[in-house]
Amino acid sequence: MEWRSEWKHLTWIVGLFLLAYFLPLENTIFLQSLHSALELAKWYAREHVLLCLIPAFFIAGTIAVFISQNAVIKYLGAGAKKWISYALASVSGSILAVCSCTVLPLFTGIYKRGAGLGPATAFLYSGPAINIMAIILTARVLGYQLGLARIIGAVLFSIIIGILMQIIFSKEEAQRNAGQMVIADVGEERPIWQTMYHFVILVLILISATWGPGTSSEGAWAWIYAHKWIITSTFGIGLGISLIRILNINWIQVVIAGLVVAIVGIISRSPLLGFVTAITALTLILSFQKNEAGDWLSESWGFAKQILPLLAIGVLVAGFLLGTPENGGGIIPERWVVGLVGGNSIWANLFASIVGAFMYFATLTEIPILQGLINSGMGDGPALALLLAGPALSLPNMLVIRGVLGNKKTAVYILLVVLLSTVAGMVYGLLVQ
């Protein structure tokens, strides 16, 4: 027997044995942290997977199947004009209500289709960081100064991070881009407006389904929230039209599926159940297709298999270490966090950036969390540092990025986000003082 090849297995077995043997189940803090990990996983599954991640997987599948590799390379690849590629990547988040995890299948899709490392990582950062809803709510709840600083910092960071990533890994990118140059420039299989219609209707479904309550019960924001499911249903009808007219799926199947979704929603009086029924019906319809509609489902499922297990592990670890957004309860005491982010020292800003980078924030949840920390004594600079690092990164996010980019590129990306957030926090803290 070749024992060298068995050391890895032996190490895992011994490690798991020691973990089980010394589990401190009698320790109250440890048990509370375990409960927080499971509570965060439950909250994530209920509030985030169905409405955010699953639509994002279908959008990523659309990118992989319906948007040609030539189109991605043309606008985001090595040969694209830099001002076009970085402009597209840096402002893309303004139309997407996504968090650091929901953006992952979209990032994976465009990177694997040939987008350059710089524009791809600019998109990866900007997707959750420049969420227009979060920017508006930040200004309304935390003050216009912090809201303005957040949007300026996020746009600049996405461009700076993308350019630095491109420069640092220029040799690897040159080898990767060499393969793009030999791809034949074939025409699109369908008019571009059809592809864009299908893509945009999915994005609109994602945005409307995840639209959250504002700070007021009046105004356009509140009206959209009150009617979000009617709006989502309208976009769902638009998707049905796309399935029939663009993907050439039998109209009888689509109409029957639509009627089932409507009946379930009306009888149950649960929009969420209706939404789940719609996802199930779409999956069933696509599973019987053998053309590109079937490929769409296959690619979407591929992204789900790659990303969901890593996200699950990351969410559990983040909940164990830092607790839940609402109740805390992690093994790292919250008072330690608050005590370390007061004032505007370099260490306070750096610590806020690191904590924000590892903690998971769903879309908009960073604002009430930050409001509580500010009320507890958090400084202005660390508040901005956490806002710039937190929504763009999380432990689950890091694990998935590592699977796409590898250890070295992931480490550099995380380091750039943390360092730039720290510097921005210090500058902002000095300015507001």
Protein backbone atom coordinates (compact mmCIF):
# COMPACT_ATOMS: atom_id res chain seq x y z
CA MET A 1 0.00 0.00 0.00
CA GLU A 2 1.28 3.47 -0.92
CA TRP A 3 0.89 5.31 2.41
CA ARG A 4 1.75 8.71 0.98
CA SER A 5 -1.53 8.78 -0.90
CA GLU A 6 -3.41 7.80 2.27
CA TRP A 7 -2.08 10.55 4.55
CA LYS A 8 -4.72 12.99 3.35
CA HIS A 9 -7.53 10.59 4.24
CA LEU A 10 -5.94 9.79 7.58
CA THR A 11 -5.59 13.50 8.40
CA TRP A 12 -9.28 14.09 7.71
CA ILE A 13 -10.32 11.10 9.83
CA VAL A 14 -8.14 12.15 12.78
CA GLY A 15 -9.25 15.76 12.48
CA LEU A 16 -12.96 14.85 12.50
CA PHE A 17 -12.40 12.48 15.43
CA LEU A 18 -10.66 15.16 17.50
CA LEU A 19 -13.37 17.68 16.62
CA ALA A 20 -16.10 15.30 17.79
CA TYR A 21 -14.15 14.24 20.88
CA PHE A 22 -13.54 17.77 22.16
CA LEU A 23 -16.84 19.41 21.16
CA PRO A 24 -17.65 21.83 24.05
CA LEU A 25 -21.36 21.02 24.12
CA GLU A 26 -21.60 22.12 27.74
CA ASN A 27 -20.46 25.65 26.81
CA THR A 28 -23.41 28.06 26.51
CA ILE A 29 -21.65 30.42 24.08
CA PHE A 30 -20.71 27.52 21.79
CA LEU A 31 -24.29 26.22 21.76
CA GLN A 32 -25.62 29.72 21.08
CA SER A 33 -23.19 30.08 18.17
CA LEU A 34 -24.34 26.75 16.74
CA HIS A 35 -27.93 27.94 17.03
CA SER A 36 -27.01 31.20 15.28
CA ALA A 37 -25.38 29.27 12.43
CA LEU A 38 -28.52 27.19 11.89
CA GLU A 39 -30.75 30.25 12.36
CA LEU A 40 -28.82 32.16 9.68
CA ALA A 41 -29.01 29.18 7.33
CA LYS A 42 -32.78 28.93 7.89
CA TRP A 43 -33.26 32.68 7.34
CA TYR A 44 -31.07 32.57 4.24
CA ALA A 45 -33.04 29.64 2.79
CA ARG A 46 -36.40 31.31 3.44
CA GLU A 47 -35.63 34.89 2.53
CA HIS A 48 -32.90 34.68 -0.06
CA VAL A 49 -32.63 31.46 -2.06
CA LEU A 50 -36.09 31.39 -3.65
CA LEU A 51 -36.44 35.06 -4.56
CA CYS A 52 -32.81 35.97 -5.27
CA LEU A 53 -30.56 33.05 -6.08
CA ILE A 54 -32.85 30.94 -8.25
CA PRO A 55 -33.74 33.86 -10.58
CA ALA A 56 -30.02 34.71 -10.64
CA PHE A 57 -29.19 31.15 -11.75
CA PHE A 58 -31.66 31.44 -14.62
CA ILE A 59 -30.15 34.81 -15.58
CA ALA A 60 -26.66 33.27 -15.51
CA GLY A 61 -27.95 30.42 -17.67
CA THR A 62 -29.26 33.01 -20.12
CA ILE A 63 -25.82 34.59 -20.31
CA ALA A 64 -24.22 31.19 -20.92
CA VAL A 65 -26.62 30.07 -23.65
CA PHE A 66 -28.27 33.06 -25.33
CA ILE A 67 -25.53 35.68 -25.15
CA SER A 68 -22.78 34.63 -27.53
CA GLN A 69 -19.18 34.42 -26.41
CA ASN A 70 -18.29 36.88 -29.15
CA ALA A 71 -20.68 39.47 -27.68
CA VAL A 72 -19.15 39.15 -24.20
CA ILE A 73 -15.62 39.34 -25.61
CA LYS A 74 -16.58 42.30 -27.79
CA TYR A 75 -17.73 44.48 -24.89
CA LEU A 76 -15.92 43.00 -21.86
CA GLY A 77 -12.97 41.09 -23.32
CA ALA A 78 -9.33 42.02 -23.76
CA GLY A 79 -9.90 43.65 -27.14
CA ALA A 80 -12.77 45.86 -26.00
CA LYS A 81 -12.26 49.56 -25.46
CA LYS A 82 -11.39 49.98 -21.80
CA TRP A 83 -13.75 52.88 -21.19
CA ILE A 84 -16.64 50.82 -22.57
CA SER A 85 -15.86 47.60 -20.69
CA TYR A 86 -15.23 49.27 -17.33
CA ALA A 87 -18.15 51.67 -17.71
CA LEU A 88 -20.51 48.74 -18.36
CA ALA A 89 -19.08 46.70 -15.50
CA SER A 90 -18.93 49.52 -12.94
CA VAL A 91 -22.52 50.77 -13.26
CA SER A 92 -24.17 47.38 -13.78
CA GLY A 93 -25.05 47.10 -10.11
CA SER A 94 -27.39 50.08 -10.34
CA ILE A 95 -29.98 47.92 -12.13
CA LEU A 96 -29.49 44.77 -10.07
CA ALA A 97 -30.89 44.33 -6.56
CA VAL A 98 -28.33 41.68 -5.69
CA CYS A 99 -26.12 40.85 -2.73
CA SER A 100 -22.59 39.42 -2.61
CA CYS A 101 -23.95 35.90 -3.15
CA THR A 102 -26.63 36.55 -5.78
CA VAL A 103 -24.06 38.26 -8.03
CA LEU A 104 -21.89 35.11 -8.11
CA PRO A 105 -23.71 33.14 -10.82
CA LEU A 106 -23.84 36.28 -12.97
CA PHE A 107 -20.11 36.90 -12.48
CA THR A 108 -19.29 33.25 -13.18
CA GLY A 109 -21.37 33.38 -16.35
CA ILE A 110 -19.72 36.42 -17.92
CA TYR A 111 -16.20 35.36 -16.86
CA LYS A 112 -16.56 31.90 -18.36
CA ARG A 113 -17.97 33.45 -21.54
CA GLY A 114 -14.75 35.37 -22.06
CA ALA A 115 -14.97 38.62 -20.09
CA GLY A 116 -11.58 39.99 -19.08
CA LEU A 117 -10.47 39.60 -15.48
CA GLY A 118 -10.57 43.38 -14.95
CA PRO A 119 -14.15 44.03 -16.18
CA ALA A 120 -15.35 40.77 -14.60
CA THR A 121 -14.03 41.68 -11.13
CA ALA A 122 -15.31 45.25 -11.58
CA PHE A 123 -18.75 43.73 -12.18
CA LEU A 124 -18.27 41.34 -9.23
CA TYR A 125 -17.68 44.31 -6.91
CA SER A 126 -20.19 46.73 -8.41
CA GLY A 127 -23.09 44.26 -8.55
CA PRO A 128 -23.87 44.34 -4.81
CA ALA A 129 -21.99 47.57 -3.95
CA ILE A 130 -23.84 49.98 -6.29
CA ASN A 131 -27.33 48.62 -5.66
CA ILE A 132 -29.41 51.75 -6.29
CA MET A 133 -32.03 50.79 -3.68
CA ALA A 134 -29.34 50.38 -1.02
CA ILE A 135 -27.73 53.71 -1.97
CA ILE A 136 -31.05 55.58 -1.66
CA LEU A 137 -31.91 53.90 1.63
CA THR A 138 -28.42 54.62 3.00
CA ALA A 139 -28.88 58.33 2.29
CA ARG A 140 -32.36 58.40 3.81
CA VAL A 141 -31.56 56.43 6.97
CA LEU A 142 -27.89 57.19 7.65
CA GLY A 143 -27.63 60.63 6.04
CA TYR A 144 -26.94 62.00 2.58
CA GLN A 145 -23.19 62.38 3.30
CA LEU A 146 -22.73 58.66 3.90
CA GLY A 147 -24.99 57.79 0.97
CA LEU A 148 -23.01 60.05 -1.39
CA ALA A 149 -19.67 58.75 -0.10
CA ARG A 150 -20.90 55.19 -0.60
CA ILE A 151 -21.86 55.59 -4.25
CA ILE A 152 -18.69 57.56 -5.13
CA GLY A 153 -16.48 55.05 -3.36
CA ALA A 154 -18.25 52.04 -4.88
CA VAL A 155 -18.03 53.28 -8.49
CA LEU A 156 -14.36 54.26 -8.12
CA PHE A 157 -13.48 51.03 -6.31
CA SER A 158 -15.03 48.81 -8.97
CA ILE A 159 -12.89 50.48 -11.65
CA ILE A 160 -9.70 50.62 -9.55
CA ILE A 161 -10.03 47.00 -8.41
CA GLY A 162 -10.69 45.82 -11.96
CA ILE A 163 -7.70 47.70 -13.38
CA LEU A 164 -5.36 46.51 -10.61
CA MET A 165 -6.50 42.89 -11.02
CA GLN A 166 -5.87 43.16 -14.76
CA ILE A 167 -2.38 44.60 -14.19
CA ILE A 168 -1.34 42.20 -11.42
CA PHE A 169 -2.37 39.12 -13.40
CA SER A 170 -1.48 40.46 -16.85
CA LYS A 171 0.59 37.39 -17.81
CA GLU A 172 -2.15 34.90 -16.95
CA GLU A 173 -4.72 37.07 -18.72
CA ALA A 174 -2.54 37.33 -21.81
CA GLN A 175 -2.50 33.53 -22.08
CA ARG A 176 -6.25 33.34 -21.52
CA ASN A 177 -6.95 36.11 -24.03
CA ALA A 178 -4.80 34.43 -26.69
CA GLY A 179 -7.44 31.72 -26.95
CA GLN A 180 -10.14 34.33 -27.53
CA MET A 181 -8.39 35.72 -30.58
CA VAL A 182 -8.91 32.53 -32.58
CA ILE A 183 -12.65 32.36 -32.03
CA ALA A 184 -14.51 32.83 -35.29
CA ASP A 185 -16.69 35.89 -35.46
CA VAL A 186 -20.02 34.23 -36.12
CA GLY A 187 -23.30 36.09 -36.31
CA GLU A 188 -25.98 35.97 -33.65
CA GLU A 189 -28.54 33.18 -34.02
CA ARG A 190 -31.40 35.61 -33.39
CA PRO A 191 -31.93 39.37 -33.44
CA ILE A 192 -30.20 41.04 -30.50
CA TRP A 193 -33.47 42.62 -29.34
CA GLN A 194 -34.93 39.17 -28.69
CA THR A 195 -31.98 38.14 -26.54
CA MET A 196 -32.10 41.44 -24.65
CA TYR A 197 -35.85 41.15 -24.12
CA HIS A 198 -35.46 37.70 -22.59
CA PHE A 199 -32.54 38.84 -20.42
CA VAL A 200 -34.18 42.07 -19.25
CA ILE A 201 -37.49 40.40 -18.37
CA LEU A 202 -35.62 37.99 -16.07
CA VAL A 203 -33.74 40.88 -14.44
CA LEU A 204 -37.03 42.73 -13.88
CA ILE A 205 -38.53 39.64 -12.25
CA LEU A 206 -35.51 39.46 -9.92
CA ILE A 207 -35.77 43.15 -9.00
CA SER A 208 -39.53 43.23 -8.44
CA ALA A 209 -39.64 39.96 -6.45
CA THR A 210 -36.92 41.19 -4.07
CA TRP A 211 -38.21 44.78 -3.69
CA GLY A 212 -38.09 45.62 0.00
CA PRO A 213 -40.04 48.08 2.15
CA GLY A 214 -38.79 51.65 2.36
CA THR A 215 -38.73 53.97 5.33
CA SER A 216 -42.08 55.58 4.47
CA SER A 217 -45.56 54.21 3.77
CA GLU A 218 -46.08 56.77 1.01
CA GLY A 219 -44.43 57.55 -2.30
CA ALA A 220 -43.38 55.56 -5.36
CA TRP A 221 -41.14 53.19 -3.41
CA ALA A 222 -43.96 52.21 -1.04
CA TRP A 223 -46.42 51.87 -3.93
CA ILE A 224 -44.10 49.47 -5.76
CA TYR A 225 -43.63 47.44 -2.59
CA ALA A 226 -47.39 47.24 -2.00
CA HIS A 227 -47.95 46.01 -5.57
CA LYS A 228 -44.69 44.05 -6.03
CA TRP A 229 -46.38 40.72 -6.69
CA ILE A 230 -48.77 42.17 -9.25
CA ILE A 231 -45.77 43.74 -10.98
CA THR A 232 -43.83 40.46 -10.75
CA SER A 233 -46.81 38.59 -12.23
CA THR A 234 -46.91 41.06 -15.12
CA PHE A 235 -43.26 40.41 -15.86
CA GLY A 236 -44.01 36.69 -15.54
CA ILE A 237 -46.53 37.04 -18.37
CA GLY A 238 -43.78 38.77 -20.34
CA LEU A 239 -41.54 35.76 -19.71
CA GLY A 240 -44.29 33.47 -20.94
CA ILE A 241 -44.45 35.47 -24.18
CA SER A 242 -40.68 35.08 -24.52
CA LEU A 243 -40.93 31.31 -24.03
CA ILE A 244 -43.50 31.07 -26.84
CA ARG A 245 -42.32 33.65 -29.34
CA ILE A 246 -38.55 33.57 -28.86
CA LEU A 247 -37.75 30.07 -27.56
CA ASN A 248 -40.51 28.43 -29.64
CA ILE A 249 -41.95 26.41 -26.75
CA ASN A 250 -45.44 24.99 -27.32
CA TRP A 251 -47.91 27.68 -26.31
CA ILE A 252 -50.31 25.15 -24.76
CA GLN A 253 -47.65 24.10 -22.23
CA VAL A 254 -46.93 27.70 -21.29
CA VAL A 255 -50.62 28.64 -20.96
CA ILE A 256 -51.38 25.57 -18.80
CA ALA A 257 -48.41 26.37 -16.59
CA GLY A 258 -49.57 29.98 -16.24
CA LEU A 259 -53.08 28.89 -15.25
CA VAL A 260 -51.70 26.50 -12.62
CA VAL A 261 -49.55 29.26 -11.14
CA ALA A 262 -52.52 31.66 -11.03
CA ILE A 263 -54.81 29.08 -9.40
CA VAL A 264 -52.22 28.17 -6.76
CA GLY A 265 -51.57 31.83 -5.96
CA ILE A 266 -55.27 32.70 -5.68
CA ILE A 267 -56.31 29.66 -3.64
CA SER A 268 -53.34 29.75 -1.26
CA ARG A 269 -53.26 33.57 -1.07
CA SER A 270 -49.51 33.16 -0.86
CA PRO A 271 -47.50 35.05 -3.50
CA LEU A 272 -44.39 33.13 -2.44
CA LEU A 273 -46.08 29.79 -3.08
CA GLY A 274 -47.20 31.09 -6.47
CA PHE A 275 -43.62 32.15 -7.21
CA VAL A 276 -42.29 28.70 -6.26
CA THR A 277 -44.96 27.09 -8.44
CA ALA A 278 -43.88 29.29 -11.35
CA ILE A 279 -40.23 28.25 -10.91
CA THR A 280 -41.27 24.58 -10.73
CA ALA A 281 -43.44 24.91 -13.84
CA LEU A 282 -40.65 26.65 -15.77
CA THR A 283 -38.20 23.93 -14.76
CA LEU A 284 -40.58 21.17 -15.85
CA ILE A 285 -41.26 22.81 -19.20
CA LEU A 286 -37.55 23.33 -19.93
CA SER A 287 -36.64 19.80 -18.85
CA PHE A 288 -38.59 18.39 -21.81
CA GLN A 289 -36.93 20.68 -24.36
CA LYS A 290 -34.03 19.39 -26.47
CA ASN A 291 -32.99 22.65 -28.12
CA GLU A 292 -31.35 25.72 -26.56
CA ALA A 293 -34.25 26.05 -24.11
CA GLY A 294 -33.11 22.74 -22.63
CA ASP A 295 -29.52 24.00 -22.66
CA TRP A 296 -30.72 27.03 -20.69
CA LEU A 297 -31.96 24.78 -17.88
CA SER A 298 -28.81 22.66 -18.04
CA GLU A 299 -26.50 25.68 -17.69
CA SER A 300 -28.61 27.16 -14.87
CA TRP A 301 -28.47 23.85 -13.01
CA GLY A 302 -24.73 23.70 -13.56
CA PHE A 303 -24.28 27.06 -11.83
CA ALA A 304 -26.52 25.92 -8.97
CA LYS A 305 -24.49 22.72 -8.41
CA GLN A 306 -21.24 24.66 -8.38
CA ILE A 307 -22.33 27.52 -6.13
CA LEU A 308 -24.99 26.31 -3.66
CA PRO A 309 -22.83 23.83 -1.65
CA LEU A 310 -20.11 26.44 -1.09
CA LEU A 311 -22.70 29.05 -0.11
CA ALA A 312 -24.26 26.67 2.41
CA ILE A 313 -20.89 26.04 4.07
CA GLY A 314 -20.07 29.74 4.08
CA VAL A 315 -23.41 30.76 5.59
CA LEU A 316 -23.06 28.24 8.42
CA VAL A 317 -19.50 29.36 9.24
CA ALA A 318 -20.45 33.07 9.06
CA GLY A 319 -23.41 32.49 11.38
CA PHE A 320 -21.25 30.57 13.84
CA LEU A 321 -18.58 33.28 13.96
CA LEU A 322 -20.64 36.49 13.77
CA GLY A 323 -24.24 35.45 14.44
CA THR A 324 -27.33 36.61 12.58
CA PRO A 325 -27.94 40.15 11.25
CA GLU A 326 -30.91 40.65 13.59
CA ASN A 327 -29.80 39.00 16.83
CA GLY A 328 -26.02 38.54 16.69
CA GLY A 329 -25.14 35.56 18.86
CA GLY A 330 -21.90 34.51 17.16
CA ILE A 331 -18.92 33.13 19.01
CA ILE A 332 -17.20 36.52 18.47
CA PRO A 333 -18.92 38.85 20.99
CA GLU A 334 -20.68 41.85 19.43
CA ARG A 335 -19.28 44.17 22.13
CA TRP A 336 -15.80 43.37 20.86
CA VAL A 337 -16.78 44.51 17.39
CA VAL A 338 -18.34 47.75 18.62
CA GLY A 339 -15.41 48.45 20.92
CA LEU A 340 -12.92 48.06 18.09
CA VAL A 341 -14.63 50.33 15.52
CA GLY A 342 -15.01 53.51 17.55
CA GLY A 343 -13.14 56.64 16.42
CA ASN A 344 -11.30 56.91 13.12
CA SER A 345 -7.96 55.20 13.64
CA ILE A 346 -6.40 53.04 10.97
CA TRP A 347 -7.06 49.98 13.11
CA ALA A 348 -10.74 50.85 13.56
CA ASN A 349 -11.19 51.25 9.80
CA LEU A 350 -9.18 48.13 9.02
CA PHE A 351 -11.13 46.07 11.53
CA ALA A 352 -14.45 47.35 10.17
CA SER A 353 -13.36 46.41 6.64
CA ILE A 354 -12.30 42.91 7.70
CA VAL A 355 -15.47 42.25 9.69
CA GLY A 356 -17.58 43.58 6.84
CA ALA A 357 -15.70 41.41 4.35
CA PHE A 358 -16.40 38.19 6.25
CA MET A 359 -19.91 38.92 7.49
CA TYR A 360 -22.87 38.14 5.22
CA PHE A 361 -25.25 40.99 4.35
CA ALA A 362 -28.40 40.37 2.33
CA THR A 363 -29.57 43.25 0.15
CA LEU A 364 -30.46 46.29 2.33
CA THR A 365 -29.79 44.48 5.65
CA GLU A 366 -26.47 46.25 6.10
CA ILE A 367 -28.29 49.55 6.74
CA PRO A 368 -30.23 48.67 9.94
CA ILE A 369 -27.21 46.72 11.20
CA LEU A 370 -24.95 49.71 10.64
CA GLN A 371 -27.49 52.04 12.20
CA GLY A 372 -27.35 49.96 15.39
CA LEU A 373 -23.54 49.97 15.38
CA ILE A 374 -23.42 53.76 14.86
CA ASN A 375 -25.85 54.24 17.76
CA SER A 376 -23.50 52.07 19.86
CA GLY A 377 -20.53 54.32 19.11
CA MET A 378 -19.17 53.29 15.73
CA GLY A 379 -17.13 56.04 14.03
CA ASP A 380 -18.06 57.65 10.69
CA GLY A 381 -14.96 56.34 8.91
CA PRO A 382 -15.38 52.69 9.99
CA ALA A 383 -19.07 52.96 9.05
CA LEU A 384 -18.16 53.78 5.44
CA ALA A 385 -15.40 51.15 5.43
CA LEU A 386 -17.91 48.50 6.46
CA LEU A 387 -20.41 49.74 3.85
CA LEU A 388 -17.84 49.47 1.06
CA ALA A 389 -16.41 46.08 2.07
CA GLY A 390 -19.47 44.39 3.57
CA PRO A 391 -22.06 44.13 0.77
CA ALA A 392 -19.39 43.29 -1.83
CA LEU A 393 -17.81 40.41 0.10
CA SER A 394 -18.80 37.67 2.49
CA LEU A 395 -17.36 34.34 3.57
CA PRO A 396 -19.75 32.38 1.30
CA ASN A 397 -18.87 34.76 -1.53
CA MET A 398 -15.13 34.17 -1.03
CA LEU A 399 -15.49 30.40 -1.21
CA VAL A 400 -17.29 30.56 -4.54
CA ILE A 401 -14.89 33.14 -6.03
CA ARG A 402 -12.01 30.83 -5.08
CA GLY A 403 -13.66 28.05 -7.08
CA VAL A 404 -13.83 30.31 -10.15
CA LEU A 405 -10.60 32.34 -9.96
CA GLY A 406 -8.32 30.21 -7.80
CA ASN A 407 -6.53 30.96 -4.54
CA LYS A 408 -4.12 33.67 -5.68
CA LYS A 409 -6.59 35.87 -7.58
CA THR A 410 -9.21 35.50 -4.86
CA ALA A 411 -6.72 36.51 -2.14
CA VAL A 412 -5.63 39.59 -4.11
CA TYR A 413 -9.24 40.60 -4.81
CA ILE A 414 -10.15 40.35 -1.11
CA LEU A 415 -7.02 42.26 -0.10
CA LEU A 416 -7.78 45.08 -2.55
CA VAL A 417 -11.35 45.44 -1.29
CA VAL A 418 -10.26 45.51 2.37
CA LEU A 419 -7.37 47.94 1.86
CA LEU A 420 -9.32 50.37 -0.35
CA SER A 421 -12.25 50.32 2.08
CA THR A 422 -9.87 51.08 4.95
CA VAL A 423 -8.32 54.05 3.12
CA ALA A 424 -11.74 55.39 2.09
CA GLY A 425 -12.97 55.11 5.67
CA MET A 426 -10.01 57.06 7.02
CA VAL A 427 -10.36 59.81 4.40
CA TYR A 428 -14.10 60.11 4.98
CA GLY A 429 -13.64 60.17 8.75
CA LEU A 430 -11.19 63.06 8.46
CA LEU A 431 -13.47 64.99 6.10
CA VAL A 432 -16.62 64.75 8.23
CA GLN A 433 -14.71 65.70 11.36
